[in-house]
Amino acid sequence: MKVVKIAGHEIKPGESKEIDIKIARLPSHTQIDTPIFVHRALEDGPTLALMAGMHGDEINGVEIVRRILDSDLNRTKRGTVVCMPIVNVYGFLNYSREVPDGKDINRSFPGNKTGSLASRVAYHLMREVIPYIDYGIDFHTGGAARTNYPQVRCVMSNEKNAELAAAFNAPFTIDSPFRPRSLRQAASKKGKNIIVYEGGESLRFDTHAIEAGLSGALRLMKHLEMIDWAPEASEENRVIWNSTWVRARTAGLFQANIRAGNKVEKNQWLGTMTDPFGGFKEQIKAPATGFVIGLNNAPVINAGDALLHIGLDDSCKIR
């Protein structure tokens, strides 16, 4: 059987281990570790990483991985599952997307051992985990007050990426190029295939997004022959090849009359922008026929803020 190592620890068939990667130390001398939970089945198979909390305020992904651990769903029949519920422990403790130096870990790869704090976290991931996996799911959530309808993001021109996304079978699969210095890009350069799952909004549990992410992960495990059963998808998958943002032309108060996931038609009334002092009332209309893959839930809007993200599949086009 093949040798499986994670962060320098060999995992034997049928063995489970909790491994702590020592990232850095706080000014108080408190050591901050990133915990990793690894289970290797008795039978050989691929090594799959399930990672969440890259941005500390994105808790839906944290809950997905927690449920997998809590229900022993990481104990597959074949292969190895590496669970990292919270990559960015700093951000999680501070309800923050970034680490204390204000930098984004997911824009800091492949990292540097002596660089910024974000760069150091990225460095340890790239050195201790990524070289030893075959595939990965990086669980994310929409930003502050912005909800993303359950979706997988990947490079569809990459055959293996497209295969993994199809197996996950989220409501939406978005053709998304690599972000510079992201985990996905850095892992790809090492020959590793990682897809990104997005669902819900930060600092708020979204049951639908959590359940969709959990069932999608199980379908991917089944596709990789790590398990024998996974739930069927409850929604039709649509591949989004292009998208357009609806932005506020003026500042004011926004009230949407559609929901994330809805299909909208070109020129359909999406919501209303009003002046808090009664100076104006403006209808916001769809610039294209498509699906609402992202929605801003914040009521107070500045000029230029994104209100909705509309995705277009093969049945839609900007007219």
Protein backbone atom coordinates (compact mmCIF):
# COMPACT_ATOMS: atom_id res chain seq x y z
CA MET A 1 0.00 0.00 0.00
CA LYS A 2 1.16 3.55 -0.64
CA VAL A 3 2.67 5.67 2.11
CA VAL A 4 0.43 8.55 3.23
CA LYS A 5 2.02 11.50 5.01
CA ILE A 6 0.46 14.78 6.16
CA ALA A 7 2.54 17.52 7.80
CA GLY A 8 5.38 15.06 8.34
CA HIS A 9 3.16 12.46 10.06
CA GLU A 10 2.70 9.05 8.46
CA ILE A 11 -0.90 7.83 8.52
CA LYS A 12 -1.27 4.05 8.53
CA PRO A 13 -4.27 2.16 7.07
CA GLY A 14 -7.26 2.41 9.39
CA GLU A 15 -5.64 5.17 11.44
CA SER A 16 -6.97 8.59 12.45
CA LYS A 17 -4.76 11.43 13.65
CA GLU A 18 -5.16 14.99 14.83
CA ILE A 19 -2.16 17.05 13.76
CA ASP A 20 -1.42 20.62 14.81
CA ILE A 21 0.56 22.84 12.43
CA LYS A 22 2.31 25.51 14.47
CA ILE A 23 1.84 28.73 12.50
CA ALA A 24 3.03 31.54 14.77
CA ARG A 25 2.75 33.05 18.23
CA LEU A 26 0.69 36.00 19.44
CA PRO A 27 2.36 38.93 21.27
CA SER A 28 0.99 37.38 24.46
CA HIS A 29 3.13 34.28 23.73
CA THR A 30 -0.03 32.30 22.97
CA GLN A 31 0.79 29.68 20.33
CA ILE A 32 -1.64 29.56 17.42
CA ASP A 33 -1.96 26.14 15.78
CA THR A 34 -4.00 25.06 12.80
CA PRO A 35 -5.59 21.67 13.63
CA ILE A 36 -5.82 19.02 10.93
CA PHE A 37 -7.90 15.84 11.25
CA VAL A 38 -6.77 12.96 9.06
CA HIS A 39 -8.40 9.57 8.55
CA ARG A 40 -7.03 6.87 6.30
CA ALA A 41 -9.23 3.97 5.27
CA LEU A 42 -8.07 0.37 5.24
CA GLU A 43 -8.24 0.35 1.45
CA ASP A 44 -6.12 2.54 -0.81
CA GLY A 45 -7.66 5.47 -2.63
CA PRO A 46 -7.16 9.17 -3.32
CA THR A 47 -6.34 11.78 -0.68
CA LEU A 48 -9.00 14.49 -0.46
CA ALA A 49 -8.60 17.73 1.52
CA LEU A 50 -11.67 19.50 2.91
CA MET A 51 -10.63 23.02 3.93
CA ALA A 52 -12.68 25.83 5.44
CA GLY A 53 -12.22 29.09 7.28
CA MET A 54 -9.57 30.50 4.96
CA HIS A 55 -11.41 33.72 5.72
CA GLY A 56 -12.20 33.67 9.42
CA ASP A 57 -15.70 35.14 9.14
CA GLU A 58 -16.90 32.55 6.59
CA ILE A 59 -18.48 30.12 9.01
CA ASN A 60 -20.74 28.09 6.71
CA GLY A 61 -17.73 26.18 5.41
CA VAL A 62 -16.53 25.66 8.97
CA GLU A 63 -19.89 24.11 9.82
CA ILE A 64 -19.81 21.85 6.75
CA VAL A 65 -16.45 20.37 7.73
CA ARG A 66 -17.52 20.17 11.39
CA ARG A 67 -20.61 18.15 10.43
CA ILE A 68 -18.46 15.81 8.34
CA LEU A 69 -16.22 15.19 11.35
CA ASP A 70 -19.12 14.98 13.82
CA SER A 71 -20.92 12.36 11.71
CA ASP A 72 -17.73 10.39 10.92
CA LEU A 73 -18.31 11.03 7.23
CA ASN A 74 -14.58 11.51 6.87
CA ARG A 75 -14.12 7.83 7.70
CA THR A 76 -14.41 6.64 4.14
CA LYS A 77 -14.14 3.06 2.89
CA ARG A 78 -11.22 3.92 0.62
CA GLY A 79 -8.58 6.64 0.52
CA THR A 80 -7.70 9.41 2.96
CA VAL A 81 -9.64 12.49 4.04
CA VAL A 82 -7.81 15.52 5.42
CA CYS A 83 -10.16 17.93 7.25
CA MET A 84 -9.13 21.48 8.13
CA PRO A 85 -12.22 23.15 9.66
CA ILE A 86 -10.45 26.48 10.34
CA VAL A 87 -7.43 27.49 8.26
CA ASN A 88 -7.40 31.09 9.49
CA VAL A 89 -7.61 30.68 13.26
CA TYR A 90 -6.67 34.35 13.72
CA GLY A 91 -9.60 35.60 11.65
CA PHE A 92 -12.00 33.14 13.24
CA LEU A 93 -11.19 34.41 16.72
CA ASN A 94 -11.65 38.01 15.59
CA TYR A 95 -14.70 37.56 13.30
CA SER A 96 -12.47 38.80 10.49
CA ARG A 97 -11.75 37.87 6.88
CA GLU A 98 -8.06 38.70 7.28
CA VAL A 99 -5.29 37.93 9.73
CA PRO A 100 -4.22 40.63 12.24
CA ASP A 101 -1.85 42.31 9.78
CA GLY A 102 -4.81 43.01 7.49
CA LYS A 103 -3.71 40.69 4.70
CA ASP A 104 -5.79 38.04 2.94
CA ILE A 105 -4.36 34.51 3.16
CA ASN A 106 -6.04 33.60 -0.13
CA ARG A 107 -4.03 36.31 -1.90
CA SER A 108 -0.76 35.30 -0.26
CA PHE A 109 0.11 31.94 -1.84
CA PRO A 110 2.48 30.19 -2.25
CA GLY A 111 3.62 32.01 0.87
CA ASN A 112 6.92 32.74 2.55
CA LYS A 113 8.36 31.28 5.74
CA THR A 114 9.65 34.68 6.87
CA GLY A 115 7.00 36.86 5.20
CA SER A 116 3.81 38.46 6.51
CA LEU A 117 1.54 36.51 8.84
CA ALA A 118 -0.83 35.66 5.96
CA SER A 119 2.13 34.57 3.86
CA ARG A 120 3.37 32.31 6.65
CA VAL A 121 0.00 30.56 6.95
CA ALA A 122 0.01 30.04 3.16
CA TYR A 123 3.59 28.75 3.29
CA HIS A 124 2.76 26.10 5.89
CA LEU A 125 -0.27 24.93 3.88
CA MET A 126 1.78 24.64 0.71
CA ARG A 127 4.59 22.82 2.52
CA GLU A 128 2.73 20.61 5.01
CA VAL A 129 -0.53 19.67 3.28
CA ILE A 130 -0.89 20.43 -0.43
CA PRO A 131 2.02 18.24 -1.67
CA TYR A 132 0.38 15.18 -0.11
CA ILE A 133 -3.17 15.46 -1.42
CA ASP A 134 -4.73 14.58 -4.77
CA TYR A 135 -7.87 16.72 -4.68
CA GLY A 136 -9.43 19.38 -2.51
CA ILE A 137 -12.55 21.40 -1.77
CA ASP A 138 -11.98 24.91 -0.43
CA PHE A 139 -15.20 25.99 1.31
CA HIS A 140 -16.03 29.70 1.23
CA THR A 141 -18.94 32.05 1.93
CA GLY A 142 -20.14 35.36 0.50
CA GLY A 143 -18.86 38.61 1.99
CA ALA A 144 -20.39 40.80 4.67
CA ALA A 145 -24.16 41.06 4.08
CA ARG A 146 -23.73 39.44 0.65
CA THR A 147 -25.10 35.97 0.11
CA ASN A 148 -23.89 33.62 -2.59
CA TYR A 149 -26.32 30.98 -3.76
CA PRO A 150 -24.64 27.55 -3.46
CA GLN A 151 -22.07 27.37 -6.24
CA VAL A 152 -18.81 25.74 -7.24
CA ARG A 153 -16.09 27.80 -8.90
CA CYS A 154 -13.47 26.16 -11.09
CA VAL A 155 -11.59 26.46 -14.37
CA MET A 156 -13.91 24.62 -16.74
CA SER A 157 -11.24 24.29 -19.45
CA ASN A 158 -9.35 22.02 -17.04
CA GLU A 159 -10.84 18.57 -17.63
CA LYS A 160 -10.26 17.31 -14.10
CA ASN A 161 -11.67 20.52 -12.57
CA ALA A 162 -14.80 20.18 -14.69
CA GLU A 163 -15.12 16.52 -13.69
CA LEU A 164 -14.91 17.32 -9.97
CA ALA A 165 -17.41 20.17 -10.30
CA ALA A 166 -19.85 17.93 -12.16
CA ALA A 167 -19.55 15.29 -9.44
CA PHE A 168 -20.15 17.89 -6.69
CA ASN A 169 -23.26 18.98 -8.65
CA ALA A 170 -24.01 22.26 -6.88
CA PRO A 171 -26.96 24.36 -8.12
CA PHE A 172 -24.46 26.51 -10.05
CA THR A 173 -21.02 25.77 -11.47
CA ILE A 174 -19.20 28.97 -12.37
CA ASP A 175 -16.37 29.04 -14.88
CA SER A 176 -13.90 31.05 -12.84
CA PRO A 177 -10.26 31.80 -13.75
CA PHE A 178 -7.60 31.52 -11.10
CA ARG A 179 -7.28 34.47 -8.75
CA PRO A 180 -3.66 35.64 -8.54
CA ARG A 181 -1.83 34.17 -5.53
CA SER A 182 -4.84 32.10 -4.45
CA LEU A 183 -4.68 28.60 -3.00
CA ARG A 184 -6.41 27.25 -6.09
CA GLN A 185 -3.79 28.76 -8.40
CA ALA A 186 -0.81 27.72 -6.27
CA ALA A 187 -2.11 24.15 -5.89
CA SER A 188 -2.72 23.90 -9.64
CA LYS A 189 0.93 24.71 -10.28
CA LYS A 190 1.74 21.67 -8.12
CA GLY A 191 -0.58 19.49 -10.20
CA LYS A 192 -3.33 19.43 -7.54
CA ASN A 193 -6.99 19.96 -8.39
CA ILE A 194 -8.93 22.11 -5.91
CA ILE A 195 -12.44 23.43 -6.49
CA VAL A 196 -14.02 26.25 -4.49
CA TYR A 197 -17.49 26.03 -2.96
CA GLU A 198 -19.33 29.24 -2.06
CA GLY A 199 -22.58 29.44 -0.13
CA GLY A 200 -24.39 31.86 2.16
CA GLU A 201 -22.98 35.03 3.72
CA SER A 202 -20.30 35.66 6.31
CA LEU A 203 -21.00 35.46 10.06
CA ARG A 204 -24.42 33.92 9.46
CA PHE A 205 -25.37 30.24 9.28
CA ASP A 206 -27.28 29.40 6.11
CA THR A 207 -28.88 25.95 6.45
CA HIS A 208 -29.48 25.58 2.72
CA ALA A 209 -25.88 26.46 1.85
CA ILE A 210 -24.50 24.15 4.55
CA GLU A 211 -26.62 21.19 3.46
CA ALA A 212 -25.84 21.78 -0.23
CA GLY A 213 -22.11 21.91 0.54
CA LEU A 214 -22.22 18.79 2.68
CA SER A 215 -24.15 16.70 0.16
CA GLY A 216 -21.93 17.96 -2.67
CA ALA A 217 -18.81 16.87 -0.81
CA LEU A 218 -20.31 13.41 -0.35
CA ARG A 219 -21.14 13.17 -4.05
CA LEU A 220 -17.55 14.06 -4.87
CA MET A 221 -16.31 11.36 -2.48
CA LYS A 222 -18.58 8.84 -4.17
CA HIS A 223 -17.30 9.89 -7.60
CA LEU A 224 -13.75 9.29 -6.36
CA GLU A 225 -14.89 5.84 -5.14
CA MET A 226 -14.07 6.69 -1.55
CA ILE A 227 -17.64 5.89 -0.42
CA ASP A 228 -20.46 3.86 -1.99
CA TRP A 229 -23.44 6.17 -1.41
CA ALA A 230 -24.19 9.88 -1.56
CA PRO A 231 -27.43 11.90 -1.67
CA GLU A 232 -28.83 12.96 -5.01
CA ALA A 233 -28.77 16.65 -5.85
CA SER A 234 -32.05 18.38 -5.05
CA GLU A 235 -31.58 21.13 -7.66
CA GLU A 236 -30.63 21.18 -11.30
CA ASN A 237 -27.02 22.13 -11.95
CA ARG A 238 -26.43 25.07 -14.29
CA VAL A 239 -23.03 25.96 -15.69
CA ILE A 240 -22.46 29.72 -15.61
CA TRP A 241 -20.15 30.84 -18.38
CA ASN A 242 -20.52 34.59 -17.92
CA SER A 243 -21.93 37.00 -15.38
CA THR A 244 -22.81 40.64 -14.91
CA TRP A 245 -23.08 42.85 -11.83
CA VAL A 246 -25.96 45.21 -11.12
CA ARG A 247 -24.54 48.23 -9.29
CA ALA A 248 -26.21 51.14 -7.56
CA ARG A 249 -26.12 54.36 -9.58
CA THR A 250 -26.80 56.44 -6.48
CA ALA A 251 -26.54 56.00 -2.73
CA GLY A 252 -29.66 55.14 -0.76
CA LEU A 253 -31.67 52.31 0.75
CA PHE A 254 -32.06 49.09 -1.24
CA GLN A 255 -34.94 46.64 -0.93
CA ALA A 256 -34.84 43.57 -3.18
CA ASN A 257 -38.00 41.82 -4.30
CA ILE A 258 -36.22 38.71 -5.59
CA ARG A 259 -34.11 36.08 -3.84
CA ALA A 260 -30.74 34.50 -4.49
CA GLY A 261 -31.14 31.57 -6.85
CA ASN A 262 -34.09 33.09 -8.73
CA LYS A 263 -34.14 33.30 -12.51
CA VAL A 264 -34.78 36.83 -13.73
CA GLU A 265 -35.68 38.18 -17.16
CA LYS A 266 -34.11 41.16 -18.85
CA ASN A 267 -35.74 44.41 -17.63
CA GLN A 268 -37.46 42.60 -14.76
CA TRP A 269 -37.96 44.71 -11.65
CA LEU A 270 -35.43 43.44 -9.09
CA GLY A 271 -35.89 45.89 -6.26
CA THR A 272 -36.14 49.52 -5.27
CA MET A 273 -33.56 52.12 -4.31
CA THR A 274 -34.93 54.98 -2.20
CA ASP A 275 -33.63 58.13 -0.58
CA PRO A 276 -33.94 57.95 3.25
CA PHE A 277 -35.23 61.54 3.17
CA GLY A 278 -37.92 60.86 0.58
CA GLY A 279 -36.06 62.56 -2.26
CA PHE A 280 -36.36 59.78 -4.86
CA LYS A 281 -37.51 56.25 -5.57
CA GLU A 282 -35.78 54.25 -8.32
CA GLN A 283 -36.65 50.83 -9.71
CA ILE A 284 -33.65 48.52 -10.25
CA LYS A 285 -34.07 46.37 -13.36
CA ALA A 286 -32.20 43.35 -14.69
CA PRO A 287 -29.72 44.14 -17.47
CA ALA A 288 -29.95 40.56 -18.76
CA THR A 289 -31.81 37.29 -18.45
CA GLY A 290 -30.02 35.08 -15.96
CA PHE A 291 -29.86 33.69 -12.44
CA VAL A 292 -29.22 35.56 -9.21
CA ILE A 293 -26.02 33.90 -7.99
CA GLY A 294 -25.23 36.64 -5.49
CA LEU A 295 -27.36 39.18 -3.60
CA ASN A 296 -26.50 42.13 -1.36
CA ASN A 297 -28.63 42.02 1.79
CA ALA A 298 -27.35 45.32 3.19
CA PRO A 299 -30.07 47.99 3.27
CA VAL A 300 -27.72 51.01 3.20
CA ILE A 301 -25.99 51.30 -0.16
CA ASN A 302 -23.32 53.61 -1.56
CA ALA A 303 -23.06 54.61 -5.20
CA GLY A 304 -21.25 51.88 -7.11
CA ASP A 305 -22.00 49.11 -4.62
CA ALA A 306 -22.87 45.72 -6.11
CA LEU A 307 -26.54 44.90 -5.60
CA LEU A 308 -26.83 41.61 -7.47
CA HIS A 309 -24.63 39.19 -9.35
CA ILE A 310 -26.42 37.68 -12.33
CA GLY A 311 -25.03 34.52 -13.90
CA LEU A 312 -25.68 33.47 -17.49
CA ASP A 313 -25.76 29.87 -18.65
CA ASP A 314 -26.16 28.55 -22.20
CA SER A 315 -29.84 29.51 -22.23
CA CYS A 316 -29.12 33.16 -21.39
CA LYS A 317 -27.27 35.96 -23.10
CA ILE A 318 -26.88 39.71 -22.67
CA ARG A 319 -29.15 41.43 -25.16
